[in-house]
PDB file of N, CA and C in Angstrom:
ATOM      1  N   MET A   1       0.952  -1.309  -0.076  1.00  0.00           N
ATOM      2  CA  MET A   1       0.015  -0.029  -0.040  1.00  0.00           C
ATOM      3  C   MET A   1       0.700   1.203  -0.010  1.00  0.00           C
ATOM      4  N   LYS A   2       1.970   1.333   0.852  1.00  0.00           N
ATOM      5  CA  LYS A   2       2.633   2.314   0.616  1.00  0.00           C
ATOM      6  C   LYS A   2       3.449   2.614  -0.589  1.00  0.00           C
ATOM      7  N   THR A   3       3.883   1.461  -1.171  1.00  0.00           N
ATOM      8  CA  THR A   3       4.376   1.660  -2.528  1.00  0.00           C
ATOM      9  C   THR A   3       3.446   2.329  -3.533  1.00  0.00           C
ATOM     10  N   VAL A   4       2.305   2.012  -3.405  1.00  0.00           N
ATOM     11  CA  VAL A   4       1.226   2.669  -4.282  1.00  0.00           C
ATOM     12  C   VAL A   4       0.980   4.135  -4.171  1.00  0.00           C
ATOM     13  N   ILE A   5       0.986   4.431  -2.865  1.00  0.00           N
ATOM     14  CA  ILE A   5       0.943   5.657  -2.577  1.00  0.00           C
ATOM     15  C   ILE A   5       2.061   6.494  -3.068  1.00  0.00           C
ATOM     16  N   LEU A   6       3.304   5.993  -2.618  1.00  0.00           N
ATOM     17  CA  LEU A   6       4.320   6.708  -3.228  1.00  0.00           C
ATOM     18  C   LEU A   6       4.513   6.954  -4.827  1.00  0.00           C
ATOM     19  N   ILE A   7       4.231   6.036  -5.330  1.00  0.00           N
ATOM     20  CA  ILE A   7       4.006   5.764  -7.012  1.00  0.00           C
ATOM     21  C   ILE A   7       3.107   7.175  -7.297  1.00  0.00           C
ATOM     22  N   LEU A   8       1.887   7.004  -6.720  1.00  0.00           N
ATOM     23  CA  LEU A   8       0.871   7.980  -6.926  1.00  0.00           C
ATOM     24  C   LEU A   8       1.270   9.520  -6.582  1.00  0.00           C
ATOM     25  N   ALA A   9       2.238   9.485  -5.428  1.00  0.00           N
ATOM     26  CA  ALA A   9       2.643  10.894  -5.086  1.00  0.00           C
ATOM     27  C   ALA A   9       3.785  11.296  -6.187  1.00  0.00           C
ATOM     28  N   LEU A  10       4.768  10.558  -6.661  1.00  0.00           N
ATOM     29  CA  LEU A  10       5.659  10.808  -7.585  1.00  0.00           C
ATOM     30  C   LEU A  10       5.048  11.188  -9.121  1.00  0.00           C
ATOM     31  N   PHE A  11       4.028  10.483  -9.067  1.00  0.00           N
ATOM     32  CA  PHE A  11       3.312  10.842 -10.561  1.00  0.00           C
ATOM     33  C   PHE A  11       2.583  12.164 -10.656  1.00  0.00           C
ATOM     34  N   SER A  12       1.843  12.492  -9.434  1.00  0.00           N
ATOM     35  CA  SER A  12       1.219  13.593  -9.176  1.00  0.00           C
ATOM     36  C   SER A  12       2.162  14.715  -9.424  1.00  0.00           C
ATOM     37  N   SER A  13       3.436  14.853  -8.780  1.00  0.00           N
ATOM     38  CA  SER A  13       4.486  15.851  -8.645  1.00  0.00           C
ATOM     39  C   SER A  13       4.891  16.114  -9.828  1.00  0.00           C
ATOM     40  N   THR A  14       5.101  14.843 -10.751  1.00  0.00           N
ATOM     41  CA  THR A  14       5.667  14.946 -12.142  1.00  0.00           C
ATOM     42  C   THR A  14       4.800  15.751 -12.936  1.00  0.00           C
ATOM     43  N   LEU A  15       3.460  15.685 -12.981  1.00  0.00           N
ATOM     44  CA  LEU A  15       2.443  16.294 -13.551  1.00  0.00           C
ATOM     45  C   LEU A  15       2.276  17.783 -13.168  1.00  0.00           C
ATOM     46  N   LEU A  16       2.380  18.264 -11.737  1.00  0.00           N
ATOM     47  CA  LEU A  16       2.716  19.385 -11.304  1.00  0.00           C
ATOM     48  C   LEU A  16       3.531  20.418 -11.853  1.00  0.00           C
ATOM     49  N   PHE A  17       4.694  19.532 -11.833  1.00  0.00           N
ATOM     50  CA  PHE A  17       5.997  20.384 -12.429  1.00  0.00           C
ATOM     51  C   PHE A  17       6.426  20.483 -13.675  1.00  0.00           C
ATOM     52  N   SER A  18       5.822  19.419 -14.811  1.00  0.00           N
ATOM     53  CA  SER A  18       5.881  19.300 -16.021  1.00  0.00           C
ATOM     54  C   SER A  18       5.362  20.586 -16.681  1.00  0.00           C
ATOM     55  N   GLU A  19       5.929  21.209 -17.857  1.00  0.00           N
ATOM     56  CA  GLU A  19       5.370  22.312 -18.544  1.00  0.00           C
ATOM     57  C   GLU A  19       4.752  21.901 -19.514  1.00  0.00           C
ATOM     58  N   ASN A  20       3.353  22.396 -19.714  1.00  0.00           N
ATOM     59  CA  ASN A  20       2.488  22.209 -20.983  1.00  0.00           C
ATOM     60  C   ASN A  20       3.186  22.980 -22.096  1.00  0.00           C
ATOM     61  N   LYS A  21       3.538  21.852 -23.218  1.00  0.00           N
ATOM     62  CA  LYS A  21       4.127  22.638 -24.253  1.00  0.00           C
ATOM     63  C   LYS A  21       3.271  23.687 -24.901  1.00  0.00           C
ATOM     64  N   ASN A  22       1.675  23.534 -25.044  1.00  0.00           N
ATOM     65  CA  ASN A  22       0.796  24.464 -25.581  1.00  0.00           C
ATOM     66  C   ASN A  22       0.970  25.942 -25.047  1.00  0.00           C
ATOM     67  N   ASP A  23       1.187  25.748 -23.482  1.00  0.00           N
ATOM     68  CA  ASP A  23       1.054  27.018 -22.853  1.00  0.00           C
ATOM     69  C   ASP A  23       2.502  27.818 -23.023  1.00  0.00           C
ATOM     70  N   LYS A  24       3.584  26.978 -23.451  1.00  0.00           N
ATOM     71  CA  LYS A  24       4.862  27.594 -23.609  1.00  0.00           C
ATOM     72  C   LYS A  24       4.982  28.316 -24.926  1.00  0.00           C
ATOM     73  N   ASN A  25       4.270  27.577 -25.742  1.00  0.00           N
ATOM     74  CA  ASN A  25       4.052  28.172 -27.241  1.00  0.00           C
ATOM     75  C   ASN A  25       3.372  29.579 -27.420  1.00  0.00           C
ATOM     76  N   GLU A  26       2.448  29.535 -26.512  1.00  0.00           N
ATOM     77  CA  GLU A  26       1.186  30.444 -26.406  1.00  0.00           C
ATOM     78  C   GLU A  26       2.136  31.712 -25.687  1.00  0.00           C
ATOM     79  N   LYS A  27       2.836  31.495 -24.520  1.00  0.00           N
ATOM     80  CA  LYS A  27       3.607  32.561 -24.235  1.00  0.00           C
ATOM     81  C   LYS A  27       4.746  33.176 -24.997  1.00  0.00           C
ATOM     82  N   GLU A  28       5.232  32.405 -25.587  1.00  0.00           N
ATOM     83  CA  GLU A  28       6.527  32.781 -26.707  1.00  0.00           C
ATOM     84  C   GLU A  28       5.987  33.540 -27.774  1.00  0.00           C
ATOM     85  N   SER A  29       4.546  33.113 -28.351  1.00  0.00           N
ATOM     86  CA  SER A  29       4.022  33.784 -29.385  1.00  0.00           C
ATOM     87  C   SER A  29       3.106  35.188 -29.171  1.00  0.00           C
ATOM     88  N   THR A  30       3.221  35.513 -27.875  1.00  0.00           N
ATOM     89  CA  THR A  30       2.379  36.735 -27.584  1.00  0.00           C
ATOM     90  C   THR A  30       3.584  37.664 -27.428  1.00  0.00           C
ATOM     91  N   LYS A  31       3.329  39.071 -27.828  1.00  0.00           N
ATOM     92  CA  LYS A  31       3.936  40.377 -27.731  1.00  0.00           C
ATOM     93  C   LYS A  31       3.379  41.502 -26.853  1.00  0.00           C
ATOM     94  N   GLN A  32       4.137  42.173 -26.408  1.00  0.00           N
ATOM     95  CA  GLN A  32       3.474  43.413 -25.767  1.00  0.00           C
ATOM     96  C   GLN A  32       3.463  44.509 -26.568  1.00  0.00           C
ATOM     97  N   VAL A  33       2.356  45.463 -26.946  1.00  0.00           N
ATOM     98  CA  VAL A  33       2.418  46.694 -27.361  1.00  0.00           C
ATOM     99  C   VAL A  33       2.061  47.858 -26.545  1.00  0.00           C
ATOM    100  N   SER A  34       2.940  48.619 -26.316  1.00  0.00           N
ATOM    101  CA  SER A  34       2.728  49.613 -25.382  1.00  0.00           C
ATOM    102  C   SER A  34       2.771  51.085 -25.903  1.00  0.00           C
ATOM    103  N   GLY A  35       2.177  52.014 -25.260  1.00  0.00           N
ATOM    104  CA  GLY A  35       2.155  53.068 -25.695  1.00  0.00           C
ATOM    105  C   GLY A  35       1.583  54.465 -24.864  1.00  0.00           C
ATOM    106  N   LYS A  36       1.349  55.642 -25.170  1.00  0.00           N
ATOM    107  CA  LYS A  36       0.791  56.423 -24.512  1.00  0.00           C
ATOM    108  C   LYS A  36       0.015  57.353 -25.408  1.00  0.00           C
ATOM    109  N   VAL A  37      -1.208  57.883 -24.915  1.00  0.00           N
ATOM    110  CA  VAL A  37      -2.270  58.416 -25.575  1.00  0.00           C
ATOM    111  C   VAL A  37      -2.338  59.789 -24.987  1.00  0.00           C
ATOM    112  N   THR A  38      -2.047  60.907 -25.861  1.00  0.00           N
ATOM    113  CA  THR A  38      -2.191  62.276 -25.270  1.00  0.00           C
ATOM    114  C   THR A  38      -3.482  62.963 -26.111  1.00  0.00           C
ATOM    115  N   ASP A  39      -3.746  64.296 -25.587  1.00  0.00           N
ATOM    116  CA  ASP A  39      -4.420  65.170 -26.498  1.00  0.00           C
ATOM    117  C   ASP A  39      -3.526  65.805 -27.178  1.00  0.00           C
ATOM    118  N   ARG A  40      -3.638  65.954 -28.530  1.00  0.00           N
ATOM    119  CA  ARG A  40      -3.129  66.715 -29.679  1.00  0.00           C
ATOM    120  C   ARG A  40      -2.741  68.242 -29.576  1.00  0.00           C
ATOM    121  N   LEU A  41      -3.743  68.723 -28.823  1.00  0.00           N
ATOM    122  CA  LEU A  41      -3.667  70.147 -28.604  1.00  0.00           C
ATOM    123  C   LEU A  41      -3.335  70.592 -27.618  1.00  0.00           C
ATOM    124  N   THR A  42      -3.411  70.040 -26.451  1.00  0.00           N
ATOM    125  CA  THR A  42      -2.766  70.247 -24.736  1.00  0.00           C
ATOM    126  C   THR A  42      -1.621  69.624 -24.616  1.00  0.00           C
ATOM    127  N   GLY A  43      -1.395  68.330 -25.197  1.00  0.00           N
ATOM    128  CA  GLY A  43      -0.390  67.504 -24.764  1.00  0.00           C
ATOM    129  C   GLY A  43      -0.778  66.688 -23.078  1.00  0.00           C
ATOM    130  N   GLU A  44      -2.118  67.032 -22.680  1.00  0.00           N
ATOM    131  CA  GLU A  44      -2.445  66.198 -21.620  1.00  0.00           C
ATOM    132  C   GLU A  44      -2.424  64.597 -21.774  1.00  0.00           C
ATOM    133  N   ASN A  45      -2.169  63.899 -20.853  1.00  0.00           N
ATOM    134  CA  ASN A  45      -2.494  62.414 -20.668  1.00  0.00           C
ATOM    135  C   ASN A  45      -4.026  62.209 -20.716  1.00  0.00           C
ATOM    136  N   LEU A  46      -4.347  61.206 -21.453  1.00  0.00           N
ATOM    137  CA  LEU A  46      -5.506  60.786 -21.359  1.00  0.00           C
ATOM    138  C   LEU A  46      -5.876  59.570 -20.901  1.00  0.00           C
ATOM    139  N   ALA A  47      -6.734  59.490 -19.845  1.00  0.00           N
ATOM    140  CA  ALA A  47      -7.048  58.206 -19.117  1.00  0.00           C
ATOM    141  C   ALA A  47      -8.319  57.747 -19.292  1.00  0.00           C
ATOM    142  N   GLY A  48      -8.484  56.490 -19.756  1.00  0.00           N
ATOM    143  CA  GLY A  48      -9.555  55.674 -19.910  1.00  0.00           C
ATOM    144  C   GLY A  48      -9.690  55.475 -21.395  1.00  0.00           C
ATOM    145  N   VAL A  49      -8.867  55.902 -22.249  1.00  0.00           N
ATOM    146  CA  VAL A  49      -9.126  55.673 -23.789  1.00  0.00           C
ATOM    147  C   VAL A  49      -9.229  53.967 -24.112  1.00  0.00           C
ATOM    148  N   LYS A  50      -9.954  53.789 -24.909  1.00  0.00           N
ATOM    149  CA  LYS A  50     -10.121  52.495 -25.524  1.00  0.00           C
ATOM    150  C   LYS A  50      -9.116  52.144 -26.547  1.00  0.00           C
ATOM    151  N   ILE A  51      -8.508  50.856 -26.168  1.00  0.00           N
ATOM    152  CA  ILE A  51      -7.575  50.603 -27.363  1.00  0.00           C
ATOM    153  C   ILE A  51      -7.968  49.082 -27.354  1.00  0.00           C
ATOM    154  N   GLU A  52      -8.095  48.835 -28.844  1.00  0.00           N
ATOM    155  CA  GLU A  52      -8.662  47.259 -29.470  1.00  0.00           C
ATOM    156  C   GLU A  52      -8.137  47.034 -30.679  1.00  0.00           C
ATOM    157  N   ILE A  53      -8.300  45.787 -31.050  1.00  0.00           N
ATOM    158  CA  ILE A  53      -7.872  45.221 -32.268  1.00  0.00           C
ATOM    159  C   ILE A  53      -9.091  44.812 -32.796  1.00  0.00           C
ATOM    160  N   PRO A  54      -9.564  45.716 -33.635  1.00  0.00           N
ATOM    161  CA  PRO A  54     -11.122  45.566 -34.422  1.00  0.00           C
ATOM    162  C   PRO A  54     -11.163  43.942 -34.960  1.00  0.00           C
ATOM    163  N   GLY A  55     -12.434  43.259 -34.557  1.00  0.00           N
ATOM    164  CA  GLY A  55     -12.917  42.112 -34.801  1.00  0.00           C
ATOM    165  C   GLY A  55     -12.518  40.937 -33.910  1.00  0.00           C
ATOM    166  N   THR A  56     -11.724  41.344 -32.927  1.00  0.00           N
ATOM    167  CA  THR A  56     -11.289  40.525 -31.729  1.00  0.00           C
ATOM    168  C   THR A  56     -11.660  40.849 -30.710  1.00  0.00           C
ATOM    169  N   ASP A  57     -11.344  40.084 -29.354  1.00  0.00           N
ATOM    170  CA  ASP A  57     -11.810  40.571 -27.932  1.00  0.00           C
ATOM    171  C   ASP A  57     -10.611  40.946 -27.270  1.00  0.00           C
ATOM    172  N   ILE A  58      -9.666  41.463 -28.025  1.00  0.00           N
ATOM    173  CA  ILE A  58      -8.595  41.993 -27.334  1.00  0.00           C
ATOM    174  C   ILE A  58      -8.583  43.490 -27.092  1.00  0.00           C
ATOM    175  N   ILE A  59      -8.821  44.032 -25.900  1.00  0.00           N
ATOM    176  CA  ILE A  59      -9.032  45.360 -25.630  1.00  0.00           C
ATOM    177  C   ILE A  59      -8.290  45.672 -24.318  1.00  0.00           C
ATOM    178  N   THR A  60      -7.904  47.041 -24.094  1.00  0.00           N
ATOM    179  CA  THR A  60      -7.355  47.581 -22.997  1.00  0.00           C
ATOM    180  C   THR A  60      -7.713  49.003 -22.839  1.00  0.00           C
ATOM    181  N   TYR A  61      -7.541  49.572 -21.933  1.00  0.00           N
ATOM    182  CA  TYR A  61      -7.660  51.184 -21.407  1.00  0.00           C
ATOM    183  C   TYR A  61      -6.520  51.700 -21.177  1.00  0.00           C
ATOM    184  N   THR A  62      -6.368  52.823 -21.462  1.00  0.00           N
ATOM    185  CA  THR A  62      -5.287  53.632 -20.804  1.00  0.00           C
ATOM    186  C   THR A  62      -5.160  53.971 -19.162  1.00  0.00           C
ATOM    187  N   ASP A  63      -4.256  54.108 -18.527  1.00  0.00           N
ATOM    188  CA  ASP A  63      -4.186  54.324 -17.102  1.00  0.00           C
ATOM    189  C   ASP A  63      -4.311  55.875 -17.096  1.00  0.00           C
ATOM    190  N   PHE A  64      -4.200  56.088 -15.712  1.00  0.00           N
ATOM    191  CA  PHE A  64      -4.340  57.469 -15.409  1.00  0.00           C
ATOM    192  C   PHE A  64      -3.349  58.644 -16.076  1.00  0.00           C
ATOM    193  N   GLU A  65      -2.199  57.882 -16.323  1.00  0.00           N
ATOM    194  CA  GLU A  65      -1.011  58.703 -17.042  1.00  0.00           C
ATOM    195  C   GLU A  65      -0.920  58.525 -18.691  1.00  0.00           C
ATOM    196  N   GLY A  66      -2.483  57.961 -19.138  1.00  0.00           N
ATOM    197  CA  GLY A  66      -2.398  57.830 -20.754  1.00  0.00           C
ATOM    198  C   GLY A  66      -1.590  56.505 -21.094  1.00  0.00           C
ATOM    199  N   ASN A  67      -0.865  55.648 -20.324  1.00  0.00           N
ATOM    200  CA  ASN A  67      -0.240  54.629 -20.769  1.00  0.00           C
ATOM    201  C   ASN A  67      -0.912  53.152 -20.912  1.00  0.00           C
ATOM    202  N   PHE A  68      -0.594  52.629 -22.028  1.00  0.00           N
ATOM    203  CA  PHE A  68      -1.414  51.410 -22.203  1.00  0.00           C
ATOM    204  C   PHE A  68      -0.335  50.224 -22.258  1.00  0.00           C
ATOM    205  N   VAL A  69      -0.860  49.078 -22.267  1.00  0.00           N
ATOM    206  CA  VAL A  69      -0.120  47.901 -22.867  1.00  0.00           C
ATOM    207  C   VAL A  69      -1.134  46.671 -23.138  1.00  0.00           C
ATOM    208  N   LEU A  70      -0.561  46.320 -24.376  1.00  0.00           N
ATOM    209  CA  LEU A  70      -1.759  45.499 -24.976  1.00  0.00           C
ATOM    210  C   LEU A  70      -1.199  44.031 -25.301  1.00  0.00           C
ATOM    211  N   SER A  71      -1.636  42.906 -25.053  1.00  0.00           N
ATOM    212  CA  SER A  71      -0.644  41.685 -25.217  1.00  0.00           C
ATOM    213  C   SER A  71      -1.503  41.174 -26.406  1.00  0.00           C
ATOM    214  N   VAL A  72      -0.564  40.979 -27.510  1.00  0.00           N
ATOM    215  CA  VAL A  72      -1.115  40.720 -28.718  1.00  0.00           C
ATOM    216  C   VAL A  72      -0.478  39.276 -29.307  1.00  0.00           C
ATOM    217  N   SER A  73      -1.246  38.495 -29.708  1.00  0.00           N
ATOM    218  CA  SER A  73      -1.119  37.037 -30.211  1.00  0.00           C
ATOM    219  C   SER A  73      -0.017  37.231 -31.593  1.00  0.00           C
ATOM    220  N   ALA A  74       0.669  36.096 -31.830  1.00  0.00           N
ATOM    221  CA  ALA A  74       1.322  36.337 -33.282  1.00  0.00           C
ATOM    222  C   ALA A  74       0.547  36.337 -34.485  1.00  0.00           C
ATOM    223  N   GLN A  75      -0.597  35.734 -34.350  1.00  0.00           N
ATOM    224  CA  GLN A  75      -1.639  35.943 -35.262  1.00  0.00           C
ATOM    225  C   GLN A  75      -2.191  37.317 -35.602  1.00  0.00           C
ATOM    226  N   ASN A  76      -2.234  38.236 -34.575  1.00  0.00           N
ATOM    227  CA  ASN A  76      -2.763  39.611 -34.695  1.00  0.00           C
ATOM    228  C   ASN A  76      -1.570  40.584 -34.570  1.00  0.00           C
ATOM    229  N   ALA A  77      -0.244  39.917 -34.975  1.00  0.00           N
ATOM    230  CA  ALA A  77       0.702  40.957 -34.859  1.00  0.00           C
ATOM    231  C   ALA A  77       0.833  41.996 -35.845  1.00  0.00           C
ATOM    232  N   GLU A  78       0.318  41.641 -36.918  1.00  0.00           N
ATOM    233  CA  GLU A  78       0.273  42.668 -38.214  1.00  0.00           C
ATOM    234  C   GLU A  78      -1.087  43.441 -38.248  1.00  0.00           C
ATOM    235  N   SER A  79      -2.011  43.450 -37.329  1.00  0.00           N
ATOM    236  CA  SER A  79      -3.133  43.814 -37.302  1.00  0.00           C
ATOM    237  C   SER A  79      -3.056  45.388 -37.063  1.00  0.00           C
ATOM    238  N   GLU A  80      -4.266  46.137 -37.152  1.00  0.00           N
ATOM    239  CA  GLU A  80      -4.106  47.529 -36.698  1.00  0.00           C
ATOM    240  C   GLU A  80      -5.048  47.593 -35.483  1.00  0.00           C
ATOM    241  N   ILE A  81      -4.546  48.933 -34.742  1.00  0.00           N
ATOM    242  CA  ILE A  81      -5.203  49.249 -33.449  1.00  0.00           C
ATOM    243  C   ILE A  81      -6.120  50.268 -33.806  1.00  0.00           C
ATOM    244  N   SER A  82      -7.289  50.220 -33.002  1.00  0.00           N
ATOM    245  CA  SER A  82      -8.647  50.998 -33.056  1.00  0.00           C
ATOM    246  C   SER A  82      -8.348  51.579 -31.663  1.00  0.00           C
ATOM    247  N   ILE A  83      -8.193  53.140 -31.802  1.00  0.00           N
ATOM    248  CA  ILE A  83      -8.016  54.180 -30.475  1.00  0.00           C
ATOM    249  C   ILE A  83      -9.304  55.049 -30.456  1.00  0.00           C
ATOM    250  N   SER A  84     -10.146  54.974 -29.213  1.00  0.00           N
ATOM    251  CA  SER A  84     -11.178  55.795 -29.313  1.00  0.00           C
ATOM    252  C   SER A  84     -11.486  56.128 -27.990  1.00  0.00           C
ATOM    253  N   PHE A  85     -12.007  57.675 -27.664  1.00  0.00           N
ATOM    254  CA  PHE A  85     -12.274  58.143 -26.717  1.00  0.00           C
ATOM    255  C   PHE A  85     -13.650  59.030 -26.654  1.00  0.00           C
ATOM    256  N   ILE A  86     -14.454  59.540 -25.533  1.00  0.00           N
ATOM    257  CA  ILE A  86     -15.588  60.172 -25.722  1.00  0.00           C
ATOM    258  C   ILE A  86     -14.919  61.782 -26.012  1.00  0.00           C
ATOM    259  N   SER A  87     -15.402  62.321 -27.095  1.00  0.00           N
ATOM    260  CA  SER A  87     -15.195  63.888 -27.482  1.00  0.00           C
ATOM    261  C   SER A  87     -13.940  63.773 -28.292  1.00  0.00           C
ATOM    262  N   TYR A  88     -13.304  62.662 -28.625  1.00  0.00           N
ATOM    263  CA  TYR A  88     -12.297  62.883 -29.389  1.00  0.00           C
ATOM    264  C   TYR A  88     -12.591  62.132 -30.797  1.00  0.00           C
ATOM    265  N   GLU A  89     -11.765  62.251 -31.796  1.00  0.00           N
ATOM    266  CA  GLU A  89     -11.801  61.620 -33.157  1.00  0.00           C
ATOM    267  C   GLU A  89     -11.188  60.314 -32.851  1.00  0.00           C
ATOM    268  N   SER A  90     -11.976  59.384 -33.283  1.00  0.00           N
ATOM    269  CA  SER A  90     -11.280  57.916 -33.478  1.00  0.00           C
ATOM    270  C   SER A  90     -10.032  57.582 -34.352  1.00  0.00           C
ATOM    271  N   THR A  91      -9.234  56.812 -34.052  1.00  0.00           N
ATOM    272  CA  THR A  91      -8.118  56.790 -35.171  1.00  0.00           C
ATOM    273  C   THR A  91      -7.859  55.330 -35.201  1.00  0.00           C
ATOM    274  N   ILE A  92      -7.075  54.968 -36.370  1.00  0.00           N
ATOM    275  CA  ILE A  92      -6.643  53.389 -36.458  1.00  0.00           C
ATOM    276  C   ILE A  92      -5.343  53.432 -36.935  1.00  0.00           C
ATOM    277  N   VAL A  93      -4.278  52.975 -35.951  1.00  0.00           N
ATOM    278  CA  VAL A  93      -2.984  52.939 -36.267  1.00  0.00           C
ATOM    279  C   VAL A  93      -2.750  51.596 -36.577  1.00  0.00           C
ATOM    280  N   ASN A  94      -1.515  51.207 -37.657  1.00  0.00           N
ATOM    281  CA  ASN A  94      -1.031  50.215 -38.000  1.00  0.00           C
ATOM    282  C   ASN A  94       0.037  49.476 -36.564  1.00  0.00           C
ATOM    283  N   MET A  95      -0.233  48.203 -36.262  1.00  0.00           N
ATOM    284  CA  MET A  95       0.640  47.701 -35.475  1.00  0.00           C
ATOM    285  C   MET A  95       1.965  47.920 -35.926  1.00  0.00           C
ATOM    286  N   ASN A  96       2.578  47.916 -37.176  1.00  0.00           N
ATOM    287  CA  ASN A  96       4.074  48.182 -37.402  1.00  0.00           C
ATOM    288  C   ASN A  96       4.410  49.599 -37.089  1.00  0.00           C
ATOM    289  N   ASN A  97       3.640  50.324 -36.646  1.00  0.00           N
ATOM    290  CA  ASN A  97       4.142  51.683 -36.388  1.00  0.00           C
ATOM    291  C   ASN A  97       4.565  51.565 -34.650  1.00  0.00           C
ATOM    292  N   PHE A  98       4.426  50.560 -34.204  1.00  0.00           N
ATOM    293  CA  PHE A  98       4.920  50.285 -32.828  1.00  0.00           C
ATOM    294  C   PHE A  98       6.255  49.803 -32.789  1.00  0.00           C
ATOM    295  N   SER A  99       7.189  50.226 -33.650  1.00  0.00           N
ATOM    296  CA  SER A  99       8.418  49.673 -33.646  1.00  0.00           C
ATOM    297  C   SER A  99       9.311  50.528 -32.412  1.00  0.00           C
ATOM    298  N   GLU A 100       8.830  51.487 -32.114  1.00  0.00           N
ATOM    299  CA  GLU A 100       9.451  52.357 -31.110  1.00  0.00           C
ATOM    300  C   GLU A 100       9.153  51.673 -29.753  1.00  0.00           C
ATOM    301  N   ASP A 101      10.065  52.005 -28.795  1.00  0.00           N
ATOM    302  CA  ASP A 101       9.930  51.311 -27.288  1.00  0.00           C
ATOM    303  C   ASP A 101       8.390  51.735 -26.707  1.00  0.00           C
ATOM    304  N   HIS A 102       8.228  53.060 -26.803  1.00  0.00           N
ATOM    305  CA  HIS A 102       7.051  53.536 -26.043  1.00  0.00           C
ATOM    306  C   HIS A 102       6.159  54.639 -27.093  1.00  0.00           C
ATOM    307  N   PRO A 103       5.882  54.534 -28.153  1.00  0.00           N
ATOM    308  CA  PRO A 103       5.061  55.609 -28.994  1.00  0.00           C
ATOM    309  C   PRO A 103       4.002  56.304 -28.457  1.00  0.00           C
ATOM    310  N   GLU A 104       3.878  57.721 -28.773  1.00  0.00           N
ATOM    311  CA  GLU A 104       2.985  58.526 -28.442  1.00  0.00           C
ATOM    312  C   GLU A 104       1.687  58.577 -29.366  1.00  0.00           C
ATOM    313  N   ILE A 105       0.724  58.479 -29.145  1.00  0.00           N
ATOM    314  CA  ILE A 105      -0.496  58.841 -29.962  1.00  0.00           C
ATOM    315  C   ILE A 105      -1.167  59.862 -29.853  1.00  0.00           C
ATOM    316  N   GLU A 106      -1.575  60.593 -30.431  1.00  0.00           N
ATOM    317  CA  GLU A 106      -2.182  62.055 -30.118  1.00  0.00           C
ATOM    318  C   GLU A 106      -3.643  61.957 -30.569  1.00  0.00           C
ATOM    319  N   LEU A 107      -4.479  62.360 -29.991  1.00  0.00           N
ATOM    320  CA  LEU A 107      -5.984  62.147 -30.337  1.00  0.00           C
ATOM    321  C   LEU A 107      -6.288  63.825 -30.561  1.00  0.00           C
ATOM    322  N   LEU A 108      -7.123  63.860 -31.461  1.00  0.00           N
ATOM    323  CA  LEU A 108      -7.554  65.210 -31.674  1.00  0.00           C
ATOM    324  C   LEU A 108      -9.036  65.264 -31.015  1.00  0.00           C
ATOM    325  N   PRO A 109      -9.229  66.683 -30.367  1.00  0.00           N
ATOM    326  CA  PRO A 109     -10.640  66.638 -29.908  1.00  0.00           C
ATOM    327  C   PRO A 109     -11.670  66.906 -31.095  1.00  0.00           C
ATOM    328  N   VAL A 110     -13.016  66.423 -30.928  1.00  0.00           N
ATOM    329  CA  VAL A 110     -13.901  66.691 -31.769  1.00  0.00           C
ATOM    330  C   VAL A 110     -14.240  68.115 -31.886  1.00  0.00           C
ATOM    331  N   SER A 111     -14.211  68.805 -32.963  1.00  0.00           N
ATOM    332  CA  SER A 111     -14.810  70.096 -32.946  1.00  0.00           C
ATOM    333  C   SER A 111     -16.070  70.293 -32.909  1.00  0.00           C
ATOM    334  N   ARG A 112     -16.679  71.335 -32.363  1.00  0.00           N
ATOM    335  CA  ARG A 112     -18.160  71.695 -32.077  1.00  0.00           C
ATOM    336  C   ARG A 112     -18.621  72.689 -32.837  1.00  0.00           C
TER     337      ARG A 112
END
C-alpha cells in the first residue's frame, strides 16, 4: 500500500512540475505593445482611452497617465489598433508603427 501511495505521489508531482508545451508556445507567440495617448492640442495625458484590435476581443484602456499595454498574439501582430475616446476623433494605427519602445498617440478633440 505504501508503494502505491509513493508511486501516485511521484506521478502527481511530475504532472504538477511538467510544463505544458501549448502554454509555452502560447507565451512565446505573444508580444506586448505599449504606448501613451495624449491630447494633440494640450499634450495632456488621456486616461480611460479604449485600445482594441477590431474584430477581436483584445481590448485594454489607458491608465491615469495615458499609458497602455496590449498583449497581442502572433496571429494579430500585423493588425491595426483602434483608439477611441469620448469627445475625441477615433483613429486607427497600424501595428507596424509600434516599432519604438513607447510611441505616443495623439488624439484630436472633436470640434463643436
